[in-house]
C-alpha atoms as a PDB file:
ATOM      1  CA  MET A   1     -10.174  -7.833 -15.822  1.00  0.00           C
ATOM      2  CA  ARG A   2     -11.372  -4.914 -17.927  1.00  0.00           C
ATOM      3  CA  THR A   3     -11.780  -2.201 -15.281  1.00  0.00           C
ATOM      4  CA  LEU A   4      -9.652  -1.403 -12.246  1.00  0.00           C
ATOM      5  CA  ASP A   5     -11.223   1.336 -10.133  1.00  0.00           C
ATOM      6  CA  LEU A   6      -9.065   2.444  -7.191  1.00  0.00           C
ATOM      7  CA  GLN A   7     -10.497   5.939  -6.773  1.00  0.00           C
ATOM      8  CA  GLY A   8     -10.458   7.579  -3.349  1.00  0.00           C
ATOM      9  CA  ASN A   9      -8.380   5.006  -1.495  1.00  0.00           C
ATOM     10  CA  ASP A  10      -5.527   7.183  -0.165  1.00  0.00           C
ATOM     11  CA  LEU A  11      -3.037   5.021  -2.102  1.00  0.00           C
ATOM     12  CA  LYS A  12       0.570   6.221  -2.089  1.00  0.00           C
ATOM     13  CA  SER A  13       1.877   3.733  -4.645  1.00  0.00           C
ATOM     14  CA  LEU A  14       0.801   1.041  -7.073  1.00  0.00           C
ATOM     15  CA  PRO A  15       2.334  -2.398  -7.571  1.00  0.00           C
ATOM     16  CA  ASP A  16       5.148  -2.636 -10.119  1.00  0.00           C
ATOM     17  CA  ASN A  17       3.424  -5.561 -11.832  1.00  0.00           C
ATOM     18  CA  LEU A  18       0.411  -3.468 -12.862  1.00  0.00           C
ATOM     19  CA  GLY A  19       1.473  -3.972 -16.478  1.00  0.00           C
ATOM     20  CA  GLY A  20       0.566  -7.649 -16.149  1.00  0.00           C
ATOM     21  CA  LEU A  21      -3.129  -6.793 -16.439  1.00  0.00           C
ATOM     22  CA  SER A  22      -3.081  -7.554 -20.142  1.00  0.00           C
ATOM     23  CA  GLU A  23      -6.826  -7.099 -20.792  1.00  0.00           C
ATOM     24  CA  LEU A  24      -7.323  -3.914 -18.785  1.00  0.00           C
ATOM     25  CA  LYS A  25      -9.213  -1.149 -20.615  1.00  0.00           C
ATOM     26  CA  TYR A  26     -10.079   1.298 -17.829  1.00  0.00           C
ATOM     27  CA  LEU A  27      -7.667   2.341 -15.089  1.00  0.00           C
ATOM     28  CA  ARG A  28      -9.212   4.786 -12.621  1.00  0.00           C
ATOM     29  CA  LEU A  29      -6.906   6.201  -9.963  1.00  0.00           C
ATOM     30  CA  ARG A  30      -8.528   9.518  -9.074  1.00  0.00           C
ATOM     31  CA  SER A  31      -8.224  11.040  -5.586  1.00  0.00           C
ATOM     32  CA  ASN A  32      -5.294   9.188  -4.104  1.00  0.00           C
ATOM     33  CA  PHE A  33      -1.808  10.254  -2.980  1.00  0.00           C
ATOM     34  CA  LEU A  34       0.143   8.825  -5.919  1.00  0.00           C
ATOM     35  CA  THR A  35       3.360  10.610  -6.908  1.00  0.00           C
ATOM     36  CA  SER A  36       4.123   8.362  -9.881  1.00  0.00           C
ATOM     37  CA  LEU A  37       2.715   5.622 -12.068  1.00  0.00           C
ATOM     38  CA  PRO A  38       4.662   2.371 -12.399  1.00  0.00           C
ATOM     39  CA  ASP A  39       6.606   2.166 -15.664  1.00  0.00           C
ATOM     40  CA  SER A  40       4.817  -1.132 -16.288  1.00  0.00           C
ATOM     41  CA  THR A  41       1.610   0.857 -16.844  1.00  0.00           C
ATOM     42  CA  THR A  42       2.886   1.509 -20.360  1.00  0.00           C
ATOM     43  CA  GLN A  43       2.828  -2.243 -21.066  1.00  0.00           C
ATOM     44  CA  ILE A  44      -0.979  -2.425 -20.885  1.00  0.00           C
ATOM     45  CA  SER A  45      -1.507  -2.252 -24.634  1.00  0.00           C
ATOM     46  CA  THR A  46      -5.291  -2.648 -24.298  1.00  0.00           C
ATOM     47  CA  LEU A  47      -5.663   0.448 -22.086  1.00  0.00           C
ATOM     48  CA  TYR A  48      -8.434   2.712 -23.399  1.00  0.00           C
ATOM     49  CA  GLU A  49      -8.828   5.186 -20.526  1.00  0.00           C
ATOM     50  CA  LEU A  50      -6.323   6.356 -17.913  1.00  0.00           C
ATOM     51  CA  GLY A  51      -7.727   8.500 -15.131  1.00  0.00           C
ATOM     52  CA  GLY A  52      -5.337   9.784 -12.498  1.00  0.00           C
ATOM     53  CA  SER A  53      -6.695  13.186 -11.533  1.00  0.00           C
ATOM     54  CA  GLN A  54      -6.373  14.653  -8.043  1.00  0.00           C
ATOM     55  CA  ASN A  55      -3.164  12.931  -7.029  1.00  0.00           C
ATOM     56  CA  PHE A  56       0.369  14.233  -6.600  1.00  0.00           C
ATOM     57  CA  LEU A  57       1.780  12.835  -9.852  1.00  0.00           C
ATOM     58  CA  GLN A  58       5.014  14.552 -10.829  1.00  0.00           C
ATOM     59  CA  SER A  59       5.547  12.835 -14.160  1.00  0.00           C
ATOM     60  CA  ILE A  60       4.065  10.639 -16.850  1.00  0.00           C
ATOM     61  CA  PRO A  61       6.004   7.455 -17.697  1.00  0.00           C
ATOM     62  CA  GLU A  62       8.491   8.095 -20.523  1.00  0.00           C
ATOM     63  CA  ASP A  63       7.113   5.202 -22.586  1.00  0.00           C
ATOM     64  CA  ILE A  64       3.515   6.456 -22.517  1.00  0.00           C
ATOM     65  CA  GLY A  65       3.625   6.231 -26.318  1.00  0.00           C
ATOM     66  CA  ASN A  66       3.369   2.442 -26.027  1.00  0.00           C
ATOM     67  CA  LEU A  67      -0.321   2.912 -25.210  1.00  0.00           C
ATOM     68  CA  VAL A  68      -1.438   3.094 -28.833  1.00  0.00           C
ATOM     69  CA  ASN A  69      -5.047   2.169 -27.955  1.00  0.00           C
ATOM     70  CA  LEU A  70      -5.401   4.928 -25.370  1.00  0.00           C
ATOM     71  CA  HIS A  71      -8.381   7.176 -26.162  1.00  0.00           C
ATOM     72  CA  SER A  72      -8.661   9.246 -22.983  1.00  0.00           C
ATOM     73  CA  MET A  73      -6.112  10.402 -20.431  1.00  0.00           C
ATOM     74  CA  PHE A  74      -7.228  12.615 -17.570  1.00  0.00           C
ATOM     75  CA  LEU A  75      -4.503  13.807 -15.207  1.00  0.00           C
ATOM     76  CA  TYR A  76      -6.032  16.996 -13.817  1.00  0.00           C
ATOM     77  CA  HIS A  77      -4.886  18.458 -10.475  1.00  0.00           C
ATOM     78  CA  ASN A  78      -1.422  16.936 -10.156  1.00  0.00           C
ATOM     79  CA  ALA A  79       2.135  18.298 -10.155  1.00  0.00           C
ATOM     80  CA  ILE A  80       3.218  17.125 -13.619  1.00  0.00           C
ATOM     81  CA  THR A  81       6.038  19.255 -15.019  1.00  0.00           C
ATOM     82  CA  LYS A  82       6.669  17.575 -18.382  1.00  0.00           C
ATOM     83  CA  ILE A  83       4.862  15.534 -21.000  1.00  0.00           C
ATOM     84  CA  PRO A  84       7.098  12.884 -22.601  1.00  0.00           C
ATOM     85  CA  ASP A  85       7.776  13.265 -26.323  1.00  0.00           C
ATOM     86  CA  SER A  86       6.560   9.696 -26.828  1.00  0.00           C
ATOM     87  CA  ILE A  87       2.968  10.881 -26.317  1.00  0.00           C
ATOM     88  CA  ALA A  88       2.993  11.580 -30.069  1.00  0.00           C
ATOM     89  CA  LYS A  89       2.772   7.793 -30.562  1.00  0.00           C
ATOM     90  CA  CYS A  90      -0.631   7.643 -28.825  1.00  0.00           C
ATOM     91  CA  VAL A  91      -2.280   7.907 -32.231  1.00  0.00           C
ATOM     92  CA  ASN A  92      -5.786   7.076 -30.972  1.00  0.00           C
ATOM     93  CA  LEU A  93      -5.801   9.630 -28.160  1.00  0.00           C
ATOM     94  CA  ARG A  94      -8.979  11.720 -28.342  1.00  0.00           C
ATOM     95  CA  GLU A  95      -9.168  13.427 -24.960  1.00  0.00           C
ATOM     96  CA  LEU A  96      -6.182  14.762 -23.034  1.00  0.00           C
ATOM     97  CA  GLY A  97      -6.777  16.551 -19.761  1.00  0.00           C
ATOM     98  CA  LEU A  98      -3.709  18.094 -18.131  1.00  0.00           C
ATOM     99  CA  ALA A  99      -5.196  21.153 -16.422  1.00  0.00           C
ATOM    100  CA  TRP A 100      -4.015  22.259 -12.975  1.00  0.00           C
ATOM    101  CA  ASN A 101      -0.477  20.899 -13.233  1.00  0.00           C
ATOM    102  CA  GLU A 102       2.985  22.500 -13.390  1.00  0.00           C
ATOM    103  CA  LEU A 103       3.624  22.292 -17.143  1.00  0.00           C
ATOM    104  CA  THR A 104       5.991  24.922 -18.547  1.00  0.00           C
ATOM    105  CA  SER A 105       6.068  23.620 -22.136  1.00  0.00           C
ATOM    106  CA  LEU A 106       4.443  21.139 -24.488  1.00  0.00           C
ATOM    107  CA  PRO A 107       6.258  18.521 -26.579  1.00  0.00           C
ATOM    108  CA  ASP A 108       6.453  19.189 -30.317  1.00  0.00           C
ATOM    109  CA  GLY A 109       4.662  15.997 -31.320  1.00  0.00           C
ATOM    110  CA  ILE A 110       1.542  16.662 -29.292  1.00  0.00           C
ATOM    111  CA  GLY A 111       0.081  18.608 -32.195  1.00  0.00           C
ATOM    112  CA  ASP A 112       0.404  15.613 -34.496  1.00  0.00           C
ATOM    113  CA  LEU A 113      -2.110  13.425 -32.663  1.00  0.00           C
ATOM    114  CA  PRO A 114      -4.531  12.668 -35.508  1.00  0.00           C
ATOM    115  CA  GLU A 115      -7.603  11.810 -33.386  1.00  0.00           C
ATOM    116  CA  LEU A 116      -7.233  14.442 -30.667  1.00  0.00           C
ATOM    117  CA  ALA A 117     -10.528  16.298 -30.215  1.00  0.00           C
ATOM    118  CA  MET A 118     -10.189  17.813 -26.725  1.00  0.00           C
ATOM    119  CA  PHE A 119      -7.078  19.181 -25.022  1.00  0.00           C
ATOM    120  CA  PHE A 120      -7.120  20.970 -21.688  1.00  0.00           C
ATOM    121  CA  ALA A 121      -3.958  22.584 -20.301  1.00  0.00           C
ATOM    122  CA  ASN A 122      -5.429  25.458 -18.330  1.00  0.00           C
ATOM    123  CA  ASN A 123      -3.981  26.462 -14.957  1.00  0.00           C
ATOM    124  CA  ASN A 124      -0.408  25.451 -15.712  1.00  0.00           C
ATOM    125  CA  LYS A 125       2.774  27.511 -16.116  1.00  0.00           C
ATOM    126  CA  LEU A 126       2.904  27.663 -19.892  1.00  0.00           C
ATOM    127  CA  SER A 127       4.509  30.862 -21.124  1.00  0.00           C
ATOM    128  CA  LYS A 128       3.595  30.386 -24.787  1.00  0.00           C
ATOM    129  CA  ILE A 129       1.718  28.159 -27.176  1.00  0.00           C
ATOM    130  CA  PRO A 130       3.737  26.983 -30.182  1.00  0.00           C
ATOM    131  CA  ASP A 131       2.522  28.571 -33.431  1.00  0.00           C
ATOM    132  CA  ASP A 132       1.994  25.272 -35.203  1.00  0.00           C
ATOM    133  CA  LEU A 133       0.367  23.501 -32.282  1.00  0.00           C
ATOM    134  CA  PHE A 134      -2.416  21.260 -33.545  1.00  0.00           C
ATOM    135  CA  SER A 135      -1.913  22.268 -37.170  1.00  0.00           C
ATOM    136  CA  ASN A 136      -2.061  18.545 -38.045  1.00  0.00           C
ATOM    137  CA  ALA A 137      -4.810  17.640 -35.577  1.00  0.00           C
ATOM    138  CA  LYS A 138      -7.796  17.707 -37.908  1.00  0.00           C
ATOM    139  CA  ARG A 139     -10.368  16.624 -35.312  1.00  0.00           C
ATOM    140  CA  ILE A 140      -9.593  19.178 -32.608  1.00  0.00           C
ATOM    141  CA  GLN A 141     -12.841  20.683 -31.294  1.00  0.00           C
ATOM    142  CA  GLU A 142     -11.964  22.166 -27.947  1.00  0.00           C
ATOM    143  CA  MET A 143      -8.799  23.507 -26.327  1.00  0.00           C
ATOM    144  CA  SER A 144      -8.253  25.405 -23.118  1.00  0.00           C
ATOM    145  CA  PHE A 145      -5.128  27.297 -22.066  1.00  0.00           C
ATOM    146  CA  GLN A 146      -6.740  29.643 -19.546  1.00  0.00           C
ATOM    147  CA  ARG A 147      -4.802  31.001 -16.584  1.00  0.00           C
ATOM    148  CA  ASN A 148      -1.284  30.170 -17.715  1.00  0.00           C
ATOM    149  CA  GLY A 149       0.208  33.641 -17.346  1.00  0.00           C
ATOM    150  CA  MET A 150       0.906  34.104 -21.054  1.00  0.00           C
END
């Protein structure tokens, strides 16, 4: 299976064996009632796009960096408070959407993502943007930090 689309199903949880979908490229989970993603999600090495907007996600799995083929991750409108440091290992990540969450800081390595072109962190609780953020991201084209109370 290449695409798993579970959008708008009022799901409260996902099966722990989700990581067994070894050929999955697109995981679409928008508009459910999910509070977390199974840790096994980070075992889907073929994953290209992760969409989990409009849920109640409180965190991103710590081993998200295992998803080295991930190009797009959209987690808008959740309750995420922290981005794991391992995200710096997602070297092919091009689009990262984290707007409308509860983020208070960004991990140091997020600015080292070599392919990152779009990063959205508006409507969070960020109090500052690190000075050297994205100094190594040569492809960055668009960033948004609006409405963070800085």
